[in-house]
Amino acid sequence: MLDRDIAVYFGTSTGNLNRAMKRNISRFPPEFCFQLTDEECSRFQIGILNGGRGSNLKYLPYAYTEQGVAMLTSVLHTDRAISASIQIMEAFVEMSHYIRRYRDMLPRDEMLELSNKQYLLEGELRDIKNKMVTKDDLSDLMKVFLDSVSDEELLILDGEPFKADEAYAKICKTAKSNIVLIDDYIGIKTLHHLANAKSKVKITIISDNKSRPSLRKVDMEDFKSECPGLNIDLKSSCGRVHDRFMVIDHGDKDCRIYHCGSSIKDSGNKITTVIPIRDMEVYSDMVSSLLSNPELPLK
């Protein structure tokens, strides 16, 4: 099916559909999705730009296979896409019941082939269910538009816009054991963002405290008196770090590392982006090395 036809069915625009695919490109191998060539568009007489001053192609459309359409249900956030994803799961569960009910009536080779396909499909469905975005997951995004916030207050997290303060709170609340913030420019607002962490989570800030005005010792003492349950250590970055990172549960199997487009203390001032880092091995070693740095004294 062509992208524009699928977009109509799922109740979204063609652009949004293809952007969702590109944000999750690793889930769309060539056998799931491919872009048509000029020759293919001409052969099948596919007109993309109608009317106006001509019928030249505005863009080369994407074509999705059966598997690609099913995968789209896990990355699109429309009600129609969510409903389709649920229907696909229900269909394969019913197929599983059918196979078990009539397994004795099927030839052995066909039974093995069906069982193998069922095993592969169950794995794909588990992945779809784990990645599916529900209405509850979109509540923060809906609040952004309902409250009519300006662009300057937005932060893009995992490809979706949130209020900047809510985005950092969302990240901090997911920590189970520790948070490591690497940011040379810290302030009182930095501490208040970190206060969203659970009480038993250990927090380490690695910084050279270059803000003007810089974070003071009295600021830290006042904050600790307001939030006595938080355990915050300060380490010097020793001039080794340029970018800003937030590390969640360093040393655990569920560790996540985010690259932050701006200092946390400046969230809400300008549009910025927080991006999860996929290849974490190099960064994990870097974090371990920085944690051995000397303490950062405050004046």
Protein backbone atom coordinates (compact mmCIF):
# COMPACT_ATOMS: atom_id res chain seq x y z
CA MET A 1 0.00 0.00 0.00
CA LEU A 2 1.13 3.56 -0.69
CA ASP A 3 1.85 5.89 2.20
CA ARG A 4 -0.96 8.29 1.31
CA ASP A 5 -3.60 5.51 1.34
CA ILE A 6 -2.40 4.19 4.70
CA ALA A 7 -2.38 7.73 6.13
CA VAL A 8 -6.06 8.16 5.22
CA TYR A 9 -6.94 4.85 6.90
CA PHE A 10 -5.01 5.68 10.08
CA GLY A 11 -6.39 9.22 10.27
CA THR A 12 -3.13 11.12 9.90
CA SER A 13 -1.21 13.01 7.23
CA THR A 14 1.22 11.35 4.81
CA GLY A 15 4.04 13.49 6.19
CA ASN A 16 3.36 12.48 9.80
CA LEU A 17 3.16 8.82 8.81
CA ASN A 18 6.53 8.84 7.03
CA ARG A 19 8.16 10.91 9.79
CA ALA A 20 7.04 8.30 12.34
CA MET A 21 8.62 5.61 10.15
CA LYS A 22 11.91 7.53 9.84
CA ARG A 23 12.08 8.15 13.61
CA ASN A 24 11.89 4.36 14.03
CA ILE A 25 13.84 3.40 10.87
CA SER A 26 15.46 0.35 12.50
CA ARG A 27 12.00 -1.24 12.71
CA PHE A 28 11.35 -0.84 8.97
CA PRO A 29 13.76 -3.03 6.96
CA PRO A 30 13.45 -3.01 3.12
CA GLU A 31 10.99 -5.92 3.20
CA PHE A 32 8.66 -3.74 5.33
CA CYS A 33 8.97 -0.41 3.52
CA PHE A 34 10.70 1.07 0.47
CA GLN A 35 10.56 4.26 -1.59
CA LEU A 36 9.36 4.03 -5.19
CA THR A 37 11.59 5.20 -8.06
CA ASP A 38 10.62 7.68 -10.78
CA GLU A 39 10.28 4.79 -13.23
CA GLU A 40 7.95 2.86 -10.92
CA CYS A 41 5.77 5.93 -10.37
CA SER A 42 5.50 6.48 -14.12
CA ARG A 43 4.81 2.80 -14.84
CA PHE A 44 1.91 2.64 -12.41
CA GLN A 45 0.75 6.20 -13.26
CA ILE A 46 0.98 7.41 -9.69
CA GLY A 47 0.17 11.13 -9.60
CA ILE A 48 1.23 12.86 -6.41
CA LEU A 49 0.77 16.53 -7.28
CA ASN A 50 -2.52 17.14 -9.07
CA GLY A 51 -3.88 20.39 -10.46
CA GLY A 52 -2.06 23.69 -10.32
CA ARG A 53 0.73 24.20 -12.81
CA GLY A 54 1.54 20.63 -13.69
CA SER A 55 1.59 17.05 -12.61
CA ASN A 56 5.24 16.63 -11.65
CA LEU A 57 5.97 14.47 -8.61
CA LYS A 58 6.21 16.48 -5.43
CA TYR A 59 7.95 13.55 -3.73
CA LEU A 60 8.56 9.89 -4.34
CA PRO A 61 6.03 7.95 -2.26
CA TYR A 62 6.81 5.10 0.09
CA ALA A 63 5.23 1.69 -0.28
CA TYR A 64 4.55 -0.50 2.77
CA THR A 65 4.23 -4.26 2.76
CA GLU A 66 1.82 -6.17 4.98
CA GLN A 67 4.46 -6.36 7.72
CA GLY A 68 5.20 -2.64 7.34
CA VAL A 69 1.56 -1.67 7.78
CA ALA A 70 1.39 -3.82 10.94
CA MET A 71 4.57 -2.18 12.28
CA LEU A 72 3.12 1.29 11.62
CA THR A 73 0.42 0.56 14.20
CA SER A 74 3.12 0.53 16.89
CA VAL A 75 4.68 3.90 15.98
CA LEU A 76 1.61 5.99 15.11
CA HIS A 77 -0.36 7.63 17.91
CA THR A 78 -3.78 7.99 16.30
CA ASP A 79 -6.84 6.23 17.72
CA ARG A 80 -7.23 4.30 14.46
CA ALA A 81 -3.62 3.02 14.58
CA ILE A 82 -3.95 1.93 18.21
CA SER A 83 -7.23 0.16 17.42
CA ALA A 84 -5.64 -1.61 14.43
CA SER A 85 -2.71 -2.77 16.55
CA ILE A 86 -5.09 -4.27 19.11
CA GLN A 87 -7.06 -6.01 16.35
CA ILE A 88 -3.87 -7.51 14.91
CA MET A 89 -2.93 -8.91 18.32
CA GLU A 90 -6.39 -10.36 18.81
CA ALA A 91 -6.28 -11.97 15.33
CA PHE A 92 -2.97 -13.71 15.99
CA VAL A 93 -4.09 -14.90 19.41
CA GLU A 94 -7.18 -16.41 17.76
CA MET A 95 -4.95 -18.03 15.12
CA SER A 96 -2.85 -19.54 17.90
CA HIS A 97 -5.97 -21.04 19.47
CA TYR A 98 -7.07 -22.40 16.08
CA ILE A 99 -3.72 -24.10 15.48
CA ARG A 100 -3.79 -25.79 18.89
CA ARG A 101 -7.41 -26.87 18.41
CA TYR A 102 -6.86 -28.50 15.01
CA ARG A 103 -3.20 -29.50 15.16
CA ASP A 104 -4.06 -33.22 14.72
CA MET A 105 -5.87 -32.50 11.43
CA LEU A 106 -2.97 -30.68 9.77
CA PRO A 107 -0.10 -32.39 7.88
CA ARG A 108 3.13 -32.41 9.90
CA ASP A 109 5.05 -30.10 7.54
CA GLU A 110 2.24 -27.54 7.48
CA MET A 111 1.96 -27.75 11.26
CA LEU A 112 5.68 -27.04 11.70
CA GLU A 113 5.51 -24.11 9.29
CA LEU A 114 2.49 -22.61 11.03
CA SER A 115 4.06 -23.09 14.46
CA ASN A 116 7.25 -21.36 13.32
CA LYS A 117 5.29 -18.43 11.87
CA GLN A 118 3.26 -18.18 15.05
CA TYR A 119 6.43 -18.07 17.16
CA LEU A 120 7.89 -15.25 15.04
CA LEU A 121 4.62 -13.30 15.05
CA GLU A 122 4.26 -13.58 18.83
CA GLY A 123 7.71 -12.00 19.18
CA GLU A 124 6.74 -9.14 16.87
CA LEU A 125 3.47 -8.62 18.73
CA ARG A 126 5.24 -8.47 22.09
CA ASP A 127 7.48 -5.76 20.66
CA ILE A 128 4.48 -3.84 19.28
CA LYS A 129 2.69 -4.05 22.64
CA ASN A 130 5.79 -2.86 24.54
CA LYS A 131 6.30 0.07 22.17
CA MET A 132 2.64 1.02 21.78
CA VAL A 133 1.81 4.56 22.90
CA THR A 134 -1.52 4.82 24.71
CA LYS A 135 -3.68 7.83 25.47
CA ASP A 136 -2.28 7.90 29.00
CA ASP A 137 1.27 8.06 27.61
CA LEU A 138 0.24 11.09 25.55
CA SER A 139 -1.22 13.03 28.47
CA ASP A 140 1.82 15.28 28.84
CA LEU A 141 1.81 16.00 25.12
CA MET A 142 -1.90 16.87 25.22
CA LYS A 143 -1.31 19.25 28.13
CA VAL A 144 1.24 21.15 26.06
CA PHE A 145 -1.35 22.07 23.47
CA LEU A 146 -4.26 22.47 25.88
CA ASP A 147 -2.29 25.02 27.89
CA SER A 148 -1.26 26.88 24.71
CA VAL A 149 2.40 27.11 25.68
CA SER A 150 4.82 28.99 23.45
CA ASP A 151 7.57 27.33 21.42
CA GLU A 152 10.21 28.71 23.78
CA GLU A 153 8.82 26.53 26.58
CA LEU A 154 9.08 23.26 24.65
CA LEU A 155 11.59 20.46 25.04
CA ILE A 156 11.68 17.59 22.55
CA LEU A 157 12.08 14.25 24.34
CA ASP A 158 12.10 10.96 22.40
CA GLY A 159 10.72 12.79 19.38
CA GLU A 160 7.73 14.32 21.23
CA PRO A 161 7.24 17.87 22.62
CA PHE A 162 6.74 18.43 26.36
CA LYS A 163 6.90 21.36 28.71
CA ALA A 164 10.59 21.60 29.54
CA ASP A 165 10.14 21.25 33.30
CA GLU A 166 7.81 18.27 32.89
CA ALA A 167 10.25 16.55 30.52
CA TYR A 168 13.14 16.63 33.02
CA ALA A 169 10.80 15.60 35.84
CA LYS A 170 9.67 12.65 33.71
CA ILE A 171 13.28 11.50 33.24
CA CYS A 172 14.28 11.91 36.91
CA LYS A 173 11.24 10.01 38.17
CA THR A 174 12.27 6.91 36.19
CA ALA A 175 15.57 6.50 38.09
CA LYS A 176 15.66 3.46 40.39
CA SER A 177 19.15 3.64 41.94
CA ASN A 178 21.11 6.69 40.78
CA ILE A 179 21.27 9.78 38.61
CA VAL A 180 24.51 11.23 37.25
CA LEU A 181 24.21 14.74 35.82
CA ILE A 182 27.17 16.01 33.78
CA ASP A 183 26.78 19.75 33.24
CA ASP A 184 29.33 22.54 33.72
CA TYR A 185 26.56 25.13 34.17
CA ILE A 186 24.44 24.40 37.22
CA GLY A 187 22.16 26.48 39.42
CA ILE A 188 19.32 26.34 41.92
CA LYS A 189 16.92 25.30 39.14
CA THR A 190 19.17 22.30 38.45
CA LEU A 191 18.66 21.12 42.03
CA HIS A 192 14.89 21.56 41.86
CA HIS A 193 14.71 19.40 38.72
CA LEU A 194 16.72 16.66 40.44
CA ALA A 195 14.36 16.84 43.43
CA ASN A 196 11.84 14.92 41.30
CA ALA A 197 13.89 11.76 41.90
CA LYS A 198 12.72 9.15 44.40
CA SER A 199 14.06 9.57 47.94
CA LYS A 200 16.48 6.59 47.84
CA VAL A 201 18.05 7.55 44.51
CA LYS A 202 21.67 8.70 44.80
CA ILE A 203 22.43 11.84 42.79
CA THR A 204 25.87 12.91 41.59
CA ILE A 205 26.48 16.21 39.80
CA ILE A 206 29.71 16.41 37.77
CA SER A 207 30.43 20.05 36.99
CA ASP A 208 32.97 22.87 37.04
CA ASN A 209 30.19 25.26 38.21
CA LYS A 210 30.81 27.87 35.49
CA SER A 211 27.44 29.63 35.72
CA ARG A 212 27.30 33.33 36.45
CA PRO A 213 26.21 33.53 39.20
CA SER A 214 27.55 30.12 40.16
CA LEU A 215 25.89 27.70 42.56
CA ARG A 216 26.89 28.65 46.11
CA LYS A 217 27.45 26.61 49.24
CA VAL A 218 24.56 28.38 50.97
CA ASP A 219 22.29 27.47 48.03
CA MET A 220 23.13 23.80 48.47
CA GLU A 221 22.63 23.94 52.25
CA ASP A 222 19.24 25.63 51.85
CA PHE A 223 18.19 23.04 49.28
CA LYS A 224 19.24 20.10 51.48
CA SER A 225 17.24 21.52 54.36
CA GLU A 226 14.18 21.73 52.08
CA CYS A 227 14.71 18.20 50.68
CA PRO A 228 16.41 16.23 53.46
CA GLY A 229 15.74 12.87 51.81
CA LEU A 230 17.96 13.56 48.79
CA ASN A 231 21.56 12.36 48.66
CA ILE A 232 23.55 14.71 46.37
CA ASP A 233 27.31 14.55 45.76
CA LEU A 234 29.31 17.09 43.76
CA LYS A 235 32.29 16.10 41.59
CA SER A 236 34.51 18.34 39.48
CA SER A 237 34.50 17.71 35.73
CA CYS A 238 38.14 18.93 35.67
CA GLY A 239 37.58 20.73 32.38
CA ARG A 240 37.07 17.43 30.51
CA VAL A 241 33.46 17.79 29.36
CA HIS A 242 31.86 20.15 26.85
CA ASP A 243 28.37 18.66 26.33
CA ARG A 244 25.66 17.93 28.88
CA PHE A 245 24.49 14.43 29.79
CA MET A 246 21.98 12.89 32.18
CA VAL A 247 22.68 9.28 33.14
CA ILE A 248 19.92 7.20 34.72
CA ASP A 249 20.87 4.09 36.76
CA HIS A 250 24.56 4.01 35.81
CA GLY A 251 26.03 0.52 36.26
CA ASP A 252 22.63 -1.22 36.04
CA LYS A 253 21.38 -3.31 33.11
CA ASP A 254 18.61 -0.75 32.52
CA CYS A 255 21.03 2.19 32.35
CA ARG A 256 20.00 5.05 30.04
CA ILE A 257 22.08 8.01 28.91
CA TYR A 258 20.54 11.21 27.53
CA HIS A 259 22.39 13.91 25.60
CA CYS A 260 20.89 17.26 26.64
CA GLY A 261 20.84 20.14 24.18
CA SER A 262 21.08 22.76 26.93
CA SER A 263 21.84 22.99 30.63
CA ILE A 264 18.95 21.91 32.84
CA LYS A 265 18.99 25.26 34.62
CA ASP A 266 18.10 26.93 31.30
CA SER A 267 15.15 24.66 30.47
CA GLY A 268 12.18 26.63 29.20
CA ASN A 269 14.24 29.55 27.89
CA LYS A 270 14.65 28.25 24.34
CA ILE A 271 13.62 25.24 22.26
CA THR A 272 15.96 22.35 23.03
CA THR A 273 16.18 18.59 22.55
CA VAL A 274 17.03 15.65 24.83
CA ILE A 275 18.11 12.57 22.87
CA PRO A 276 18.69 9.05 24.28
CA ILE A 277 22.10 7.62 23.34
CA ARG A 278 21.87 4.17 21.75
CA ASP A 279 25.51 3.03 21.81
CA MET A 280 26.27 3.45 25.51
CA GLU A 281 29.48 1.44 26.03
CA VAL A 282 31.88 4.30 25.32
CA TYR A 283 29.81 6.73 27.37
CA SER A 284 29.48 4.33 30.30
CA ASP A 285 33.25 4.10 30.56
CA MET A 286 33.45 7.90 30.39
CA VAL A 287 30.93 8.26 33.23
CA SER A 288 32.82 5.78 35.41
CA SER A 289 36.02 7.74 34.82
CA LEU A 290 34.39 11.08 35.71
CA LEU A 291 32.92 9.64 38.92
CA SER A 292 36.48 9.13 40.17
CA ASN A 293 37.21 12.87 39.88
CA PRO A 294 37.78 14.93 43.05
CA GLU A 295 34.93 16.63 44.88
CA LEU A 296 33.69 20.00 43.67
CA PRO A 297 33.92 22.62 46.44
CA LEU A 298 31.31 25.36 46.58
CA LYS A 299 32.11 28.87 47.79
